[in-house]
């Protein structure tokens, strides 16, 4: 049986993985769904210094603190940067990286460095001091009224530094096997990112928040290599 660590993207918390985690556990696997500092139920811990390095340390702490090994480490969206930096710190604990509609960059690059002018303008419009305000759920592909209501009640502002702080990588992460799951159709660059880094790509017919809108299909893809 496998051990999965599922890391949420911007504005979310570990809560977003509930349906997927239940499916993986019902298949006999161990699942951890940490919430990153300053988000979700840990929103009260946010400070102007909460950034990418903070979140990578959150994940590294889970891997080491729980003494997890042979981990399938999944990062959604912004958390692509997070899981790569965490895996770079403790590559011996990570069996496989799985990038779900995820951003990635080289050492010295931030998420916004990798983004289009259109995306940067969208982020700038959300800026409110040291946070990025919560966008409408529809912007991440969630349209069902019950799901929209749930996200509106649970999403929290994103620490702004997380999008501007550059990744700090030694290169050890590049030795960790990695594959990508790309939600389609999409105008986002996640397929191009996967091709650039040489990762195998699987398609998922879903909006960006696939763990909310298509948990069964997503779980099947996560289980594909278990």
C-alpha atoms as a PDB file:
ATOM      1  CA  UNK A   1       0.000   0.000   0.000  1.00  0.00           C
ATOM      2  CA  UNK A   2       1.118   3.549  -0.738  1.00  0.00           C
ATOM      3  CA  UNK A   3       1.431   6.700   1.356  1.00  0.00           C
ATOM      4  CA  UNK A   4       0.013   9.875  -0.179  1.00  0.00           C
ATOM      5  CA  UNK A   5       0.614  13.438   0.981  1.00  0.00           C
ATOM      6  CA  UNK A   6      -1.854  15.740  -0.772  1.00  0.00           C
ATOM      7  CA  UNK A   7      -0.915  19.433  -0.735  1.00  0.00           C
ATOM      8  CA  UNK A   8      -3.543  22.027  -1.554  1.00  0.00           C
ATOM      9  CA  UNK A   9      -3.114  25.098  -3.723  1.00  0.00           C
ATOM     10  CA  UNK A  10      -3.652  28.800  -3.079  1.00  0.00           C
ATOM     11  CA  UNK A  11      -6.596  29.962  -0.924  1.00  0.00           C
ATOM     12  CA  UNK A  12      -7.503  26.367  -0.024  1.00  0.00           C
ATOM     13  CA  UNK A  13      -6.768  24.110   2.942  1.00  0.00           C
ATOM     14  CA  UNK A  14      -6.418  20.412   3.618  1.00  0.00           C
ATOM     15  CA  UNK A  15     -10.231  20.255   3.669  1.00  0.00           C
ATOM     16  CA  UNK A  16     -10.395  20.380  -0.146  1.00  0.00           C
ATOM     17  CA  UNK A  17      -8.993  16.831  -0.406  1.00  0.00           C
ATOM     18  CA  UNK A  18     -11.683  15.193   1.753  1.00  0.00           C
ATOM     19  CA  UNK A  19     -13.446  13.260  -1.016  1.00  0.00           C
ATOM     20  CA  UNK A  20     -10.217  12.177  -2.728  1.00  0.00           C
ATOM     21  CA  UNK A  21      -8.624  11.185   0.576  1.00  0.00           C
ATOM     22  CA  UNK A  22     -11.646   9.054   1.474  1.00  0.00           C
ATOM     23  CA  UNK A  23     -11.393   7.227  -1.855  1.00  0.00           C
ATOM     24  CA  UNK A  24      -7.660   6.584  -1.466  1.00  0.00           C
ATOM     25  CA  UNK A  25      -8.115   5.365   2.098  1.00  0.00           C
ATOM     26  CA  UNK A  26     -10.935   3.063   1.049  1.00  0.00           C
ATOM     27  CA  UNK A  27      -8.445   1.492  -1.374  1.00  0.00           C
ATOM     28  CA  UNK A  28      -6.163   0.751   1.566  1.00  0.00           C
ATOM     29  CA  UNK A  29      -3.697   3.626   1.319  1.00  0.00           C
ATOM     30  CA  UNK A  30      -2.402   6.040   3.952  1.00  0.00           C
ATOM     31  CA  UNK A  31      -3.251   9.693   3.258  1.00  0.00           C
ATOM     32  CA  UNK A  32      -2.103  12.967   4.820  1.00  0.00           C
ATOM     33  CA  UNK A  33      -3.718  16.300   3.878  1.00  0.00           C
ATOM     34  CA  UNK A  34      -1.779  19.061   5.652  1.00  0.00           C
ATOM     35  CA  UNK A  35      -2.988  22.642   5.676  1.00  0.00           C
ATOM     36  CA  UNK A  36      -0.254  25.168   4.884  1.00  0.00           C
ATOM     37  CA  UNK A  37       0.601  27.980   7.289  1.00  0.00           C
ATOM     38  CA  UNK A  38      -1.733  30.976   7.090  1.00  0.00           C
ATOM     39  CA  UNK A  39      -4.525  29.181   5.269  1.00  0.00           C
ATOM     40  CA  UNK A  40      -7.669  27.251   6.186  1.00  0.00           C
ATOM     41  CA  UNK A  41      -7.855  26.440   9.881  1.00  0.00           C
ATOM     42  CA  UNK A  42      -4.303  27.824  10.191  1.00  0.00           C
ATOM     43  CA  UNK A  43      -5.209  31.275   8.818  1.00  0.00           C
ATOM     44  CA  UNK A  44      -4.481  32.837  12.215  1.00  0.00           C
ATOM     45  CA  UNK A  45      -0.789  31.956  11.749  1.00  0.00           C
ATOM     46  CA  UNK A  46      -0.400  34.122   8.648  1.00  0.00           C
ATOM     47  CA  UNK A  47       2.152  36.926   8.737  1.00  0.00           C
ATOM     48  CA  UNK A  48       3.772  39.167   6.092  1.00  0.00           C
ATOM     49  CA  UNK A  49       6.701  36.720   6.134  1.00  0.00           C
ATOM     50  CA  UNK A  50       4.597  33.675   5.233  1.00  0.00           C
ATOM     51  CA  UNK A  51       5.958  32.601   1.872  1.00  0.00           C
ATOM     52  CA  UNK A  52       6.973  29.715  -0.340  1.00  0.00           C
ATOM     53  CA  UNK A  53       9.821  28.747   2.000  1.00  0.00           C
ATOM     54  CA  UNK A  54       7.349  28.582   4.910  1.00  0.00           C
ATOM     55  CA  UNK A  55       5.070  26.241   2.994  1.00  0.00           C
ATOM     56  CA  UNK A  56       7.891  24.023   1.743  1.00  0.00           C
ATOM     57  CA  UNK A  57       9.013  23.712   5.356  1.00  0.00           C
ATOM     58  CA  UNK A  58       5.451  22.781   6.370  1.00  0.00           C
ATOM     59  CA  UNK A  59       5.538  19.834   3.977  1.00  0.00           C
ATOM     60  CA  UNK A  60       9.078  18.811   4.855  1.00  0.00           C
ATOM     61  CA  UNK A  61       8.050  18.826   8.515  1.00  0.00           C
ATOM     62  CA  UNK A  62       5.164  16.455   7.780  1.00  0.00           C
ATOM     63  CA  UNK A  63       7.436  14.065   5.893  1.00  0.00           C
ATOM     64  CA  UNK A  64      10.076  14.030   8.612  1.00  0.00           C
ATOM     65  CA  UNK A  65       7.839  14.500  11.657  1.00  0.00           C
ATOM     66  CA  UNK A  66       5.617  11.575  10.644  1.00  0.00           C
ATOM     67  CA  UNK A  67       8.696   9.633   9.466  1.00  0.00           C
ATOM     68  CA  UNK A  68       7.064   9.074   6.081  1.00  0.00           C
ATOM     69  CA  UNK A  69       8.940   7.220   3.354  1.00  0.00           C
ATOM     70  CA  UNK A  70       8.200   6.155  -0.217  1.00  0.00           C
ATOM     71  CA  UNK A  71       5.696   9.008  -0.367  1.00  0.00           C
ATOM     72  CA  UNK A  72       3.590   9.951  -3.344  1.00  0.00           C
ATOM     73  CA  UNK A  73       3.702  13.721  -2.916  1.00  0.00           C
ATOM     74  CA  UNK A  74       0.908  15.536  -4.753  1.00  0.00           C
ATOM     75  CA  UNK A  75       0.874  19.283  -5.333  1.00  0.00           C
ATOM     76  CA  UNK A  76      -2.093  21.178  -6.760  1.00  0.00           C
ATOM     77  CA  UNK A  77      -1.633  24.454  -8.640  1.00  0.00           C
ATOM     78  CA  UNK A  78       0.575  26.837  -6.560  1.00  0.00           C
ATOM     79  CA  UNK A  79       1.641  23.831  -4.463  1.00  0.00           C
ATOM     80  CA  UNK A  80       3.643  22.539  -7.410  1.00  0.00           C
ATOM     81  CA  UNK A  81       6.293  25.002  -6.236  1.00  0.00           C
ATOM     82  CA  UNK A  82       5.800  23.861  -2.648  1.00  0.00           C
ATOM     83  CA  UNK A  83       6.174  20.117  -3.196  1.00  0.00           C
ATOM     84  CA  UNK A  84       9.195  20.479  -5.463  1.00  0.00           C
ATOM     85  CA  UNK A  85      11.026  22.550  -2.856  1.00  0.00           C
ATOM     86  CA  UNK A  86      10.038  20.154  -0.073  1.00  0.00           C
ATOM     87  CA  UNK A  87      11.149  17.136  -2.123  1.00  0.00           C
ATOM     88  CA  UNK A  88      14.423  18.893  -2.895  1.00  0.00           C
ATOM     89  CA  UNK A  89      15.099  19.019   0.851  1.00  0.00           C
ATOM     90  CA  UNK A  90      14.260  15.355   1.593  1.00  0.00           C
ATOM     91  CA  UNK A  91      14.347  13.482  -1.737  1.00  0.00           C
ATOM     92  CA  UNK A  92      15.008  10.167   0.019  1.00  0.00           C
ATOM     93  CA  UNK A  93      11.487  10.281   1.465  1.00  0.00           C
ATOM     94  CA  UNK A  94       9.650  10.894  -1.825  1.00  0.00           C
ATOM     95  CA  UNK A  95       8.968   8.023  -4.194  1.00  0.00           C
ATOM     96  CA  UNK A  96       7.066  10.107  -6.728  1.00  0.00           C
ATOM     97  CA  UNK A  97       5.934  13.670  -7.305  1.00  0.00           C
ATOM     98  CA  UNK A  98       2.500  14.149  -8.867  1.00  0.00           C
ATOM     99  CA  UNK A  99       1.801  17.625 -10.209  1.00  0.00           C
ATOM    100  CA  UNK A 100      -1.938  18.315 -10.439  1.00  0.00           C
ATOM    101  CA  UNK A 101      -2.591  21.260 -12.772  1.00  0.00           C
ATOM    102  CA  UNK A 102       0.503  22.662 -11.119  1.00  0.00           C
ATOM    103  CA  UNK A 103       2.989  25.471 -11.468  1.00  0.00           C
ATOM    104  CA  UNK A 104       6.713  24.739 -11.415  1.00  0.00           C
ATOM    105  CA  UNK A 105       9.894  26.674 -11.901  1.00  0.00           C
ATOM    106  CA  UNK A 106      13.641  26.455 -11.670  1.00  0.00           C
ATOM    107  CA  UNK A 107      15.661  27.692  -8.714  1.00  0.00           C
ATOM    108  CA  UNK A 108      15.479  31.470  -8.549  1.00  0.00           C
ATOM    109  CA  UNK A 109      12.039  31.671 -10.165  1.00  0.00           C
ATOM    110  CA  UNK A 110       8.760  32.538  -8.462  1.00  0.00           C
ATOM    111  CA  UNK A 111       5.257  31.594  -9.520  1.00  0.00           C
ATOM    112  CA  UNK A 112       4.685  35.078 -10.930  1.00  0.00           C
ATOM    113  CA  UNK A 113       7.958  34.840 -12.849  1.00  0.00           C
ATOM    114  CA  UNK A 114       6.428  31.884 -14.686  1.00  0.00           C
ATOM    115  CA  UNK A 115       3.005  33.466 -15.239  1.00  0.00           C
ATOM    116  CA  UNK A 116       1.592  35.308 -18.236  1.00  0.00           C
ATOM    117  CA  UNK A 117       0.933  39.057 -18.156  1.00  0.00           C
ATOM    118  CA  UNK A 118      -2.791  38.284 -18.046  1.00  0.00           C
ATOM    119  CA  UNK A 119      -2.395  36.092 -14.959  1.00  0.00           C
ATOM    120  CA  UNK A 120      -0.131  38.637 -13.249  1.00  0.00           C
ATOM    121  CA  UNK A 121      -2.742  41.333 -13.853  1.00  0.00           C
ATOM    122  CA  UNK A 122      -5.427  39.067 -12.370  1.00  0.00           C
ATOM    123  CA  UNK A 123      -3.269  38.502  -9.276  1.00  0.00           C
ATOM    124  CA  UNK A 124      -2.522  42.222  -8.977  1.00  0.00           C
ATOM    125  CA  UNK A 125      -6.261  42.920  -8.900  1.00  0.00           C
ATOM    126  CA  UNK A 126      -6.574  40.567  -5.909  1.00  0.00           C
ATOM    127  CA  UNK A 127      -3.734  42.178  -3.953  1.00  0.00           C
ATOM    128  CA  UNK A 128      -4.772  43.640  -0.614  1.00  0.00           C
ATOM    129  CA  UNK A 129      -1.782  44.536   1.537  1.00  0.00           C
ATOM    130  CA  UNK A 130       0.181  41.373   2.310  1.00  0.00           C
ATOM    131  CA  UNK A 131      -2.530  39.008   1.035  1.00  0.00           C
ATOM    132  CA  UNK A 132      -4.301  38.076  -2.162  1.00  0.00           C
ATOM    133  CA  UNK A 133      -8.064  38.268  -1.705  1.00  0.00           C
ATOM    134  CA  UNK A 134     -10.174  35.171  -2.281  1.00  0.00           C
ATOM    135  CA  UNK A 135     -11.235  34.898  -5.943  1.00  0.00           C
ATOM    136  CA  UNK A 136     -14.700  33.657  -6.918  1.00  0.00           C
ATOM    137  CA  UNK A 137     -14.948  29.829  -6.977  1.00  0.00           C
ATOM    138  CA  UNK A 138     -15.976  30.026 -10.622  1.00  0.00           C
ATOM    139  CA  UNK A 139     -12.450  31.214 -11.460  1.00  0.00           C
ATOM    140  CA  UNK A 140     -11.123  27.770 -10.485  1.00  0.00           C
ATOM    141  CA  UNK A 141     -13.782  25.883 -12.408  1.00  0.00           C
ATOM    142  CA  UNK A 142     -16.309  25.330  -9.617  1.00  0.00           C
ATOM    143  CA  UNK A 143     -19.852  26.095 -10.754  1.00  0.00           C
ATOM    144  CA  UNK A 144     -22.247  23.690  -8.967  1.00  0.00           C
ATOM    145  CA  UNK A 145     -24.199  25.811  -6.457  1.00  0.00           C
ATOM    146  CA  UNK A 146     -23.506  23.571  -3.465  1.00  0.00           C
ATOM    147  CA  UNK A 147     -19.786  23.432  -4.243  1.00  0.00           C
ATOM    148  CA  UNK A 148     -19.639  27.183  -4.823  1.00  0.00           C
ATOM    149  CA  UNK A 149     -21.274  27.789  -1.449  1.00  0.00           C
ATOM    150  CA  UNK A 150     -18.827  25.428   0.270  1.00  0.00           C
ATOM    151  CA  UNK A 151     -15.783  27.105  -1.258  1.00  0.00           C
ATOM    152  CA  UNK A 152     -17.045  30.575  -0.429  1.00  0.00           C
ATOM    153  CA  UNK A 153     -17.318  29.524   3.210  1.00  0.00           C
ATOM    154  CA  UNK A 154     -13.885  27.866   3.403  1.00  0.00           C
ATOM    155  CA  UNK A 155     -11.447  29.686   1.104  1.00  0.00           C
ATOM    156  CA  UNK A 156      -9.117  32.123   2.886  1.00  0.00           C
ATOM    157  CA  UNK A 157      -6.826  34.938   1.676  1.00  0.00           C
ATOM    158  CA  UNK A 158      -3.474  33.786   0.304  1.00  0.00           C
ATOM    159  CA  UNK A 159      -0.214  35.188   1.718  1.00  0.00           C
ATOM    160  CA  UNK A 160       1.087  37.437  -1.061  1.00  0.00           C
ATOM    161  CA  UNK A 161       4.730  36.465  -0.606  1.00  0.00           C
ATOM    162  CA  UNK A 162       3.954  32.899  -1.667  1.00  0.00           C
ATOM    163  CA  UNK A 163       3.543  34.075  -5.269  1.00  0.00           C
ATOM    164  CA  UNK A 164       6.607  36.333  -5.355  1.00  0.00           C
ATOM    165  CA  UNK A 165       9.209  34.418  -3.352  1.00  0.00           C
ATOM    166  CA  UNK A 166      11.657  32.545  -5.582  1.00  0.00           C
ATOM    167  CA  UNK A 167      12.166  28.803  -5.358  1.00  0.00           C
ATOM    168  CA  UNK A 168      15.422  27.692  -3.773  1.00  0.00           C
ATOM    169  CA  UNK A 169      16.399  24.316  -5.220  1.00  0.00           C
ATOM    170  CA  UNK A 170      19.648  22.348  -5.071  1.00  0.00           C
ATOM    171  CA  UNK A 171      18.733  20.160  -8.047  1.00  0.00           C
ATOM    172  CA  UNK A 172      18.108  17.025  -5.982  1.00  0.00           C
ATOM    173  CA  UNK A 173      14.401  17.200  -6.799  1.00  0.00           C
ATOM    174  CA  UNK A 174      15.182  16.521 -10.451  1.00  0.00           C
ATOM    175  CA  UNK A 175      16.139  12.944  -9.560  1.00  0.00           C
ATOM    176  CA  UNK A 176      12.689  12.275  -8.068  1.00  0.00           C
ATOM    177  CA  UNK A 177      10.288  10.633 -10.563  1.00  0.00           C
ATOM    178  CA  UNK A 178       7.496  13.009 -11.503  1.00  0.00           C
ATOM    179  CA  UNK A 179       4.317  12.929 -13.552  1.00  0.00           C
ATOM    180  CA  UNK A 180       1.649  15.514 -14.281  1.00  0.00           C
ATOM    181  CA  UNK A 181      -2.142  15.464 -14.310  1.00  0.00           C
ATOM    182  CA  UNK A 182      -3.515  18.274 -16.443  1.00  0.00           C
ATOM    183  CA  UNK A 183      -7.120  19.430 -16.253  1.00  0.00           C
ATOM    184  CA  UNK A 184      -8.678  20.085 -19.623  1.00  0.00           C
ATOM    185  CA  UNK A 185      -9.845  22.150 -21.375  1.00  0.00           C
ATOM    186  CA  UNK A 186      -7.808  24.994 -19.928  1.00  0.00           C
ATOM    187  CA  UNK A 187      -6.108  28.225 -20.899  1.00  0.00           C
ATOM    188  CA  UNK A 188      -3.476  27.778 -18.201  1.00  0.00           C
ATOM    189  CA  UNK A 189       0.118  26.709 -19.042  1.00  0.00           C
ATOM    190  CA  UNK A 190       0.301  23.509 -17.013  1.00  0.00           C
ATOM    191  CA  UNK A 191       0.722  21.166 -19.975  1.00  0.00           C
ATOM    192  CA  UNK A 192       3.533  23.351 -21.299  1.00  0.00           C
ATOM    193  CA  UNK A 193       5.202  23.250 -17.883  1.00  0.00           C
ATOM    194  CA  UNK A 194       5.041  19.450 -17.841  1.00  0.00           C
ATOM    195  CA  UNK A 195       6.477  19.199 -21.357  1.00  0.00           C
ATOM    196  CA  UNK A 196       9.274  21.625 -20.465  1.00  0.00           C
ATOM    197  CA  UNK A 197      10.290  19.531 -17.464  1.00  0.00           C
ATOM    198  CA  UNK A 198       9.881  16.233 -19.324  1.00  0.00           C
ATOM    199  CA  UNK A 199       7.076  14.769 -17.229  1.00  0.00           C
ATOM    200  CA  UNK A 200       4.547  12.246 -18.484  1.00  0.00           C
ATOM    201  CA  UNK A 201       1.101  13.840 -18.775  1.00  0.00           C
ATOM    202  CA  UNK A 202      -2.340  12.391 -18.070  1.00  0.00           C
ATOM    203  CA  UNK A 203      -5.462  14.396 -18.933  1.00  0.00           C
ATOM    204  CA  UNK A 204      -8.416  14.894 -16.630  1.00  0.00           C
ATOM    205  CA  UNK A 205     -11.692  16.284 -17.967  1.00  0.00           C
ATOM    206  CA  UNK A 206     -12.366  18.759 -15.195  1.00  0.00           C
ATOM    207  CA  UNK A 207     -12.048  22.322 -14.070  1.00  0.00           C
ATOM    208  CA  UNK A 208      -8.956  23.405 -12.166  1.00  0.00           C
ATOM    209  CA  UNK A 209     -10.298  22.328  -8.750  1.00  0.00           C
ATOM    210  CA  UNK A 210     -10.514  18.683  -9.757  1.00  0.00           C
ATOM    211  CA  UNK A 211     -10.376  17.436  -6.166  1.00  0.00           C
ATOM    212  CA  UNK A 212     -13.716  19.201  -5.657  1.00  0.00           C
ATOM    213  CA  UNK A 213     -15.395  18.705  -9.025  1.00  0.00           C
ATOM    214  CA  UNK A 214     -14.061  15.292 -10.120  1.00  0.00           C
ATOM    215  CA  UNK A 215     -12.771  13.396  -7.057  1.00  0.00           C
ATOM    216  CA  UNK A 216     -13.510   9.918  -8.437  1.00  0.00           C
ATOM    217  CA  UNK A 217     -11.661  10.472 -11.705  1.00  0.00           C
ATOM    218  CA  UNK A 218      -8.797  12.169  -9.911  1.00  0.00           C
ATOM    219  CA  UNK A 219      -8.478   9.346  -7.397  1.00  0.00           C
ATOM    220  CA  UNK A 220      -8.253   6.829 -10.241  1.00  0.00           C
ATOM    221  CA  UNK A 221      -5.369   8.763 -11.799  1.00  0.00           C
ATOM    222  CA  UNK A 222      -3.561   9.086  -8.467  1.00  0.00           C
ATOM    223  CA  UNK A 223      -3.930   5.330  -7.973  1.00  0.00           C
ATOM    224  CA  UNK A 224      -2.609   4.547 -11.446  1.00  0.00           C
ATOM    225  CA  UNK A 225       0.942   3.981 -10.246  1.00  0.00           C
ATOM    226  CA  UNK A 226       0.175   2.762  -6.726  1.00  0.00           C
END
